[in-house]
Each structure stands twice: as C-alpha cells, then as structure tokens.
Amino acid sequence: MNKMKLKKVGSILLIVIGALALIIELGSSQKNYYIQSTGIICLMLGLFLVNSGLSSRTAQEEDMYQTDVEEEE
C-alpha cells in the first residue's frame, strides 16, 4: 500500500474514532472526560491530516490563469 493511501485511510479512521467516542459520551449518563478529550484529539488530528493534504484554491486559480496567459501568447 502506498504512503498517500495509508495516510488517507488513517485520517478517516481517526475522524470516525473521534466522532464515535464523542457521540457515545453524549448519550451516556456518567461522563468520562478522558474519553471526550481523546475523541476531540482524534477528530481534530484526522481533520488536520485531511486538510493538510488539500491544495489551496487560490494556488489552483493562479495555475489556471498562468496557463491561460501562456496559451494566448
């Protein structure tokens, strides 16, 4: 398995684990703050990994603008 696919699967797994931990703790009568903290950390880490892999929209627009200008010349 290549590194990018492993990173994507890992980040999605972190998001799912974090979301499940938070949903389970919302429904329980006895609150465990360690599980809530772990759920938040997993969720935020997974979202960070997904977001760091995305390129910015302005960079894509600049690349498209440069190719349009080069084609016109």
PDB file of N, CA and C in Angstrom:
ATOM      1  N   MET A   1       0.852  -1.177   0.000  1.00  0.00           N
ATOM      2  CA  MET A   1       0.000   0.000   0.000  1.00  0.00           C
ATOM      3  C   MET A   1       0.900   1.243   0.000  1.00  0.00           C
ATOM      4  N   ASN A   2       0.585   2.200  -0.834  1.00  0.00           N
ATOM      5  CA  ASN A   2       1.440   3.376  -0.882  1.00  0.00           C
ATOM      6  C   ASN A   2       1.162   4.312   0.290  1.00  0.00           C
ATOM      7  N   LYS A   3       2.072   5.268   0.463  1.00  0.00           N
ATOM      8  CA  LYS A   3       2.040   6.122   1.654  1.00  0.00           C
ATOM      9  C   LYS A   3       0.825   7.051   1.675  1.00  0.00           C
ATOM     10  N   MET A   4       0.432   7.586   0.530  1.00  0.00           N
ATOM     11  CA  MET A   4      -0.697   8.520   0.484  1.00  0.00           C
ATOM     12  C   MET A   4      -2.014   7.816   0.823  1.00  0.00           C
ATOM     13  N   LYS A   5      -2.176   6.591   0.308  1.00  0.00           N
ATOM     14  CA  LYS A   5      -3.408   5.855   0.602  1.00  0.00           C
ATOM     15  C   LYS A   5      -3.476   5.476   2.076  1.00  0.00           C
ATOM     16  N   LEU A   6      -2.339   5.111   2.655  1.00  0.00           N
ATOM     17  CA  LEU A   6      -2.285   4.775   4.070  1.00  0.00           C
ATOM     18  C   LEU A   6      -2.595   6.000   4.933  1.00  0.00           C
ATOM     19  N   LYS A   7      -2.096   7.165   4.534  1.00  0.00           N
ATOM     20  CA  LYS A   7      -2.368   8.401   5.271  1.00  0.00           C
ATOM     21  C   LYS A   7      -3.851   8.761   5.195  1.00  0.00           C
ATOM     22  N   LYS A   8      -4.457   8.562   4.026  1.00  0.00           N
ATOM     23  CA  LYS A   8      -5.879   8.868   3.865  1.00  0.00           C
ATOM     24  C   LYS A   8      -6.748   7.943   4.699  1.00  0.00           C
ATOM     25  N   VAL A   9      -6.431   6.663   4.699  1.00  0.00           N
ATOM     26  CA  VAL A   9      -7.196   5.702   5.485  1.00  0.00           C
ATOM     27  C   VAL A   9      -7.023   5.986   6.981  1.00  0.00           C
ATOM     28  N   GLY A  10      -5.804   6.324   7.387  1.00  0.00           N
ATOM     29  CA  GLY A  10      -5.545   6.632   8.788  1.00  0.00           C
ATOM     30  C   GLY A  10      -6.286   7.864   9.256  1.00  0.00           C
ATOM     31  N   SER A  11      -6.327   8.897   8.420  1.00  0.00           N
ATOM     32  CA  SER A  11      -7.022  10.121   8.813  1.00  0.00           C
ATOM     33  C   SER A  11      -8.532   9.903   8.892  1.00  0.00           C
ATOM     34  N   ILE A  12      -9.080   9.133   7.974  1.00  0.00           N
ATOM     35  CA  ILE A  12     -10.514   8.829   8.019  1.00  0.00           C
ATOM     36  C   ILE A  12     -10.833   7.971   9.249  1.00  0.00           C
ATOM     37  N   LEU A  13      -9.939   7.051   9.570  1.00  0.00           N
ATOM     38  CA  LEU A  13     -10.126   6.220  10.758  1.00  0.00           C
ATOM     39  C   LEU A  13     -10.082   7.067  12.028  1.00  0.00           C
ATOM     40  N   LEU A  14      -9.172   8.039  12.098  1.00  0.00           N
ATOM     41  CA  LEU A  14      -9.112   8.936  13.254  1.00  0.00           C
ATOM     42  C   LEU A  14     -10.390   9.754  13.394  1.00  0.00           C
ATOM     43  N   ILE A  15     -10.918  10.231  12.273  1.00  0.00           N
ATOM     44  CA  ILE A  15     -12.157  11.012  12.310  1.00  0.00           C
ATOM     45  C   ILE A  15     -13.312  10.162  12.818  1.00  0.00           C
ATOM     46  N   VAL A  16     -13.405   8.932  12.324  1.00  0.00           N
ATOM     47  CA  VAL A  16     -14.501   8.051  12.730  1.00  0.00           C
ATOM     48  C   VAL A  16     -14.383   7.682  14.211  1.00  0.00           C
ATOM     49  N   ILE A  17     -13.171   7.362  14.665  1.00  0.00           N
ATOM     50  CA  ILE A  17     -12.977   7.016  16.079  1.00  0.00           C
ATOM     51  C   ILE A  17     -13.324   8.199  16.968  1.00  0.00           C
ATOM     52  N   GLY A  18     -12.868   9.389  16.605  1.00  0.00           N
ATOM     53  CA  GLY A  18     -13.163  10.576  17.397  1.00  0.00           C
ATOM     54  C   GLY A  18     -14.640  10.888  17.436  1.00  0.00           C
ATOM     55  N   ALA A  19     -15.302  10.782  16.295  1.00  0.00           N
ATOM     56  CA  ALA A  19     -16.737  11.075  16.250  1.00  0.00           C
ATOM     57  C   ALA A  19     -17.530  10.052  17.061  1.00  0.00           C
ATOM     58  N   LEU A  20     -17.171   8.786  16.943  1.00  0.00           N
ATOM     59  CA  LEU A  20     -17.873   7.754  17.718  1.00  0.00           C
ATOM     60  C   LEU A  20     -17.676   7.945  19.217  1.00  0.00           C
ATOM     61  N   ALA A  21     -16.456   8.277  19.638  1.00  0.00           N
ATOM     62  CA  ALA A  21     -16.203   8.487  21.062  1.00  0.00           C
ATOM     63  C   ALA A  21     -17.038   9.643  21.591  1.00  0.00           C
ATOM     64  N   LEU A  22     -17.135  10.724  20.820  1.00  0.00           N
ATOM     65  CA  LEU A  22     -17.919  11.873  21.267  1.00  0.00           C
ATOM     66  C   LEU A  22     -19.414  11.579  21.278  1.00  0.00           C
ATOM     67  N   ILE A  23     -19.904  10.849  20.290  1.00  0.00           N
ATOM     68  CA  ILE A  23     -21.330  10.520  20.241  1.00  0.00           C
ATOM     69  C   ILE A  23     -21.709   9.584  21.385  1.00  0.00           C
ATOM     70  N   ILE A  24     -20.844   8.606  21.678  1.00  0.00           N
ATOM     71  CA  ILE A  24     -21.119   7.687  22.783  1.00  0.00           C
ATOM     72  C   ILE A  24     -21.134   8.434  24.105  1.00  0.00           C
ATOM     73  N   GLU A  25     -20.210   9.363  24.282  1.00  0.00           N
ATOM     74  CA  GLU A  25     -20.154  10.118  25.534  1.00  0.00           C
ATOM     75  C   GLU A  25     -21.316  11.103  25.671  1.00  0.00           C
ATOM     76  N   LEU A  26     -21.854  11.579  24.570  1.00  0.00           N
ATOM     77  CA  LEU A  26     -23.034  12.445  24.640  1.00  0.00           C
ATOM     78  C   LEU A  26     -24.236  11.701  25.203  1.00  0.00           C
ATOM     79  N   GLY A  27     -24.353  10.429  24.865  1.00  0.00           N
ATOM     80  CA  GLY A  27     -25.503   9.653  25.287  1.00  0.00           C
ATOM     81  C   GLY A  27     -25.376   9.025  26.655  1.00  0.00           C
ATOM     82  N   SER A  28     -24.180   9.008  27.203  1.00  0.00           N
ATOM     83  CA  SER A  28     -24.016   8.330  28.494  1.00  0.00           C
ATOM     84  C   SER A  28     -24.384   9.252  29.649  1.00  0.00           C
ATOM     85  N   SER A  29     -24.845   8.642  30.721  1.00  0.00           N
ATOM     86  CA  SER A  29     -25.230   9.433  31.895  1.00  0.00           C
ATOM     87  C   SER A  29     -24.017   9.785  32.744  1.00  0.00           C
ATOM     88  N   GLN A  30     -23.036   8.893  32.800  1.00  0.00           N
ATOM     89  CA  GLN A  30     -21.802   9.142  33.542  1.00  0.00           C
ATOM     90  C   GLN A  30     -20.742   9.622  32.556  1.00  0.00           C
ATOM     91  N   LYS A  31     -20.345  10.884  32.643  1.00  0.00           N
ATOM     92  CA  LYS A  31     -19.407  11.466  31.687  1.00  0.00           C
ATOM     93  C   LYS A  31     -17.971  11.084  32.041  1.00  0.00           C
ATOM     94  N   ASN A  32     -17.231  10.655  31.031  1.00  0.00           N
ATOM     95  CA  ASN A  32     -15.814  10.356  31.184  1.00  0.00           C
ATOM     96  C   ASN A  32     -15.046  11.376  30.351  1.00  0.00           C
ATOM     97  N   TYR A  33     -14.401  12.310  31.017  1.00  0.00           N
ATOM     98  CA  TYR A  33     -13.749  13.408  30.323  1.00  0.00           C
ATOM     99  C   TYR A  33     -12.494  12.970  29.578  1.00  0.00           C
ATOM    100  N   TYR A  34     -11.901  11.847  29.979  1.00  0.00           N
ATOM    101  CA  TYR A  34     -10.746  11.336  29.252  1.00  0.00           C
ATOM    102  C   TYR A  34     -11.166  10.825  27.873  1.00  0.00           C
ATOM    103  N   ILE A  35     -12.293  10.159  27.796  1.00  0.00           N
ATOM    104  CA  ILE A  35     -12.789   9.680  26.502  1.00  0.00           C
ATOM    105  C   ILE A  35     -13.205  10.869  25.629  1.00  0.00           C
ATOM    106  N   GLN A  36     -13.832  11.876  26.226  1.00  0.00           N
ATOM    107  CA  GLN A  36     -14.199  13.071  25.458  1.00  0.00           C
ATOM    108  C   GLN A  36     -12.956  13.777  24.926  1.00  0.00           C
ATOM    109  N   SER A  37     -11.932  13.891  25.754  1.00  0.00           N
ATOM    110  CA  SER A  37     -10.693  14.545  25.327  1.00  0.00           C
ATOM    111  C   SER A  37     -10.014  13.751  24.220  1.00  0.00           C
ATOM    112  N   THR A  38      -9.988  12.434  24.360  1.00  0.00           N
ATOM    113  CA  THR A  38      -9.405  11.584  23.322  1.00  0.00           C
ATOM    114  C   THR A  38     -10.199  11.695  22.021  1.00  0.00           C
ATOM    115  N   GLY A  39     -11.518  11.753  22.123  1.00  0.00           N
ATOM    116  CA  GLY A  39     -12.352  11.900  20.927  1.00  0.00           C
ATOM    117  C   GLY A  39     -12.096  13.212  20.211  1.00  0.00           C
ATOM    118  N   ILE A  40     -11.968  14.301  20.958  1.00  0.00           N
ATOM    119  CA  ILE A  40     -11.684  15.604  20.349  1.00  0.00           C
ATOM    120  C   ILE A  40     -10.320  15.598  19.670  1.00  0.00           C
ATOM    121  N   ILE A  41      -9.317  15.023  20.361  1.00  0.00           N
ATOM    122  CA  ILE A  41      -7.969  14.990  19.802  1.00  0.00           C
ATOM    123  C   ILE A  41      -7.934  14.158  18.522  1.00  0.00           C
ATOM    124  N   CYS A  42      -8.571  12.993  18.529  1.00  0.00           N
ATOM    125  CA  CYS A  42      -8.604  12.144  17.327  1.00  0.00           C
ATOM    126  C   CYS A  42      -9.326  12.843  16.180  1.00  0.00           C
ATOM    127  N   LEU A  43     -10.449  13.467  16.493  1.00  0.00           N
ATOM    128  CA  LEU A  43     -11.221  14.150  15.463  1.00  0.00           C
ATOM    129  C   LEU A  43     -10.432  15.308  14.853  1.00  0.00           C
ATOM    130  N   MET A  44      -9.820  16.119  15.691  1.00  0.00           N
ATOM    131  CA  MET A  44      -9.066  17.270  15.186  1.00  0.00           C
ATOM    132  C   MET A  44      -7.807  16.838  14.436  1.00  0.00           C
ATOM    133  N   LEU A  45      -7.135  15.800  14.911  1.00  0.00           N
ATOM    134  CA  LEU A  45      -5.948  15.304  14.216  1.00  0.00           C
ATOM    135  C   LEU A  45      -6.311  14.741  12.840  1.00  0.00           C
ATOM    136  N   GLY A  46      -7.408  13.996  12.778  1.00  0.00           N
ATOM    137  CA  GLY A  46      -7.854  13.467  11.488  1.00  0.00           C
ATOM    138  C   GLY A  46      -8.241  14.572  10.517  1.00  0.00           C
ATOM    139  N   LEU A  47      -8.948  15.590  11.016  1.00  0.00           N
ATOM    140  CA  LEU A  47      -9.318  16.713  10.155  1.00  0.00           C
ATOM    141  C   LEU A  47      -8.090  17.493   9.698  1.00  0.00           C
ATOM    142  N   PHE A  48      -7.103  17.641  10.572  1.00  0.00           N
ATOM    143  CA  PHE A  48      -5.869  18.326  10.198  1.00  0.00           C
ATOM    144  C   PHE A  48      -5.137  17.572   9.095  1.00  0.00           C
ATOM    145  N   LEU A  49      -5.064  16.246   9.220  1.00  0.00           N
ATOM    146  CA  LEU A  49      -4.378  15.456   8.197  1.00  0.00           C
ATOM    147  C   LEU A  49      -5.088  15.528   6.852  1.00  0.00           C
ATOM    148  N   VAL A  50      -6.415  15.530   6.874  1.00  0.00           N
ATOM    149  CA  VAL A  50      -7.165  15.652   5.622  1.00  0.00           C
ATOM    150  C   VAL A  50      -6.946  17.038   5.017  1.00  0.00           C
ATOM    151  N   ASN A  51      -7.007  18.067   5.860  1.00  0.00           N
ATOM    152  CA  ASN A  51      -6.880  19.435   5.377  1.00  0.00           C
ATOM    153  C   ASN A  51      -5.472  19.738   4.889  1.00  0.00           C
ATOM    154  N   SER A  52      -4.455  19.148   5.503  1.00  0.00           N
ATOM    155  CA  SER A  52      -3.084  19.426   5.077  1.00  0.00           C
ATOM    156  C   SER A  52      -2.791  18.795   3.715  1.00  0.00           C
ATOM    157  N   GLY A  53      -3.552  17.797   3.346  1.00  0.00           N
ATOM    158  CA  GLY A  53      -3.344  17.157   2.047  1.00  0.00           C
ATOM    159  C   GLY A  53      -4.015  17.874   0.895  1.00  0.00           C
ATOM    160  N   LEU A  54      -4.885  18.817   1.188  1.00  0.00           N
ATOM    161  CA  LEU A  54      -5.591  19.541   0.135  1.00  0.00           C
ATOM    162  C   LEU A  54      -4.795  20.763  -0.292  1.00  0.00           C
ATOM    163  N   SER A  55      -4.787  21.054  -1.581  1.00  0.00           N
ATOM    164  CA  SER A  55      -4.116  22.261  -2.043  1.00  0.00           C
ATOM    165  C   SER A  55      -5.089  23.435  -1.975  1.00  0.00           C
ATOM    166  N   SER A  56      -4.534  24.619  -1.864  1.00  0.00           N
ATOM    167  CA  SER A  56      -5.390  25.790  -1.719  1.00  0.00           C
ATOM    168  C   SER A  56      -6.065  26.125  -3.040  1.00  0.00           C
ATOM    169  N   ARG A  57      -7.209  26.737  -2.948  1.00  0.00           N
ATOM    170  CA  ARG A  57      -7.978  27.086  -4.133  1.00  0.00           C
ATOM    171  C   ARG A  57      -7.304  28.227  -4.898  1.00  0.00           C
ATOM    172  N   THR A  58      -6.670  29.168  -4.202  1.00  0.00           N
ATOM    173  CA  THR A  58      -6.019  30.290  -4.879  1.00  0.00           C
ATOM    174  C   THR A  58      -4.827  29.813  -5.688  1.00  0.00           C
ATOM    175  N   ALA A  59      -4.092  28.807  -5.210  1.00  0.00           N
ATOM    176  CA  ALA A  59      -2.962  28.279  -5.970  1.00  0.00           C
ATOM    177  C   ALA A  59      -3.450  27.630  -7.260  1.00  0.00           C
ATOM    178  N   GLN A  60      -4.580  26.935  -7.203  1.00  0.00           N
ATOM    179  CA  GLN A  60      -5.121  26.319  -8.410  1.00  0.00           C
ATOM    180  C   GLN A  60      -5.585  27.382  -9.395  1.00  0.00           C
ATOM    181  N   GLU A  61      -6.194  28.459  -8.898  1.00  0.00           N
ATOM    182  CA  GLU A  61      -6.662  29.521  -9.778  1.00  0.00           C
ATOM    183  C   GLU A  61      -5.490  30.241 -10.430  1.00  0.00           C
ATOM    184  N   GLU A  62      -4.388  30.449  -9.703  1.00  0.00           N
ATOM    185  CA  GLU A  62      -3.210  31.094 -10.274  1.00  0.00           C
ATOM    186  C   GLU A  62      -2.590  30.226 -11.347  1.00  0.00           C
ATOM    187  N   ASP A  63      -2.543  28.905 -11.122  1.00  0.00           N
ATOM    188  CA  ASP A  63      -2.008  27.992 -12.135  1.00  0.00           C
ATOM    189  C   ASP A  63      -2.856  28.021 -13.391  1.00  0.00           C
ATOM    190  N   MET A  64      -4.187  28.073 -13.230  1.00  0.00           N
ATOM    191  CA  MET A  64      -5.072  28.133 -14.390  1.00  0.00           C
ATOM    192  C   MET A  64      -4.886  29.454 -15.125  1.00  0.00           C
ATOM    193  N   TYR A  65      -4.705  30.558 -14.388  1.00  0.00           N
ATOM    194  CA  TYR A  65      -4.511  31.867 -15.004  1.00  0.00           C
ATOM    195  C   TYR A  65      -3.203  31.888 -15.781  1.00  0.00           C
ATOM    196  N   GLN A  66      -2.138  31.297 -15.238  1.00  0.00           N
ATOM    197  CA  GLN A  66      -0.849  31.288 -15.927  1.00  0.00           C
ATOM    198  C   GLN A  66      -0.920  30.459 -17.199  1.00  0.00           C
ATOM    199  N   THR A  67      -1.622  29.339 -17.195  1.00  0.00           N
ATOM    200  CA  THR A  67      -1.745  28.540 -18.407  1.00  0.00           C
ATOM    201  C   THR A  67      -2.573  29.267 -19.455  1.00  0.00           C
ATOM    202  N   ASP A  68      -3.593  30.030 -19.031  1.00  0.00           N
ATOM    203  CA  ASP A  68      -4.385  30.801 -19.983  1.00  0.00           C
ATOM    204  C   ASP A  68      -3.547  31.888 -20.632  1.00  0.00           C
ATOM    205  N   VAL A  69      -2.717  32.550 -19.848  1.00  0.00           N
ATOM    206  CA  VAL A  69      -1.873  33.616 -20.374  1.00  0.00           C
ATOM    207  C   VAL A  69      -0.821  33.034 -21.329  1.00  0.00           C
ATOM    208  N   GLU A  70      -0.250  31.885 -20.997  1.00  0.00           N
ATOM    209  CA  GLU A  70       0.741  31.248 -21.857  1.00  0.00           C
ATOM    210  C   GLU A  70       0.118  30.789 -23.155  1.00  0.00           C
ATOM    211  N   GLU A  71      -1.130  30.327 -23.127  1.00  0.00           N
ATOM    212  CA  GLU A  71      -1.797  29.877 -24.354  1.00  0.00           C
ATOM    213  C   GLU A  71      -2.086  31.050 -25.276  1.00  0.00           C
ATOM    214  N   GLU A  72      -2.394  32.226 -24.701  1.00  0.00           N
ATOM    215  CA  GLU A  72      -2.703  33.394 -25.515  1.00  0.00           C
ATOM    216  C   GLU A  72      -1.465  33.929 -26.207  1.00  0.00           C
ATOM    217  N   GLU A  73      -0.296  33.776 -25.585  1.00  0.00           N
ATOM    218  CA  GLU A  73       0.952  34.275 -26.184  1.00  0.00           C
ATOM    219  C   GLU A  73       1.400  33.344 -27.238  1.00  0.00           C
TER     220      GLU A  73
END
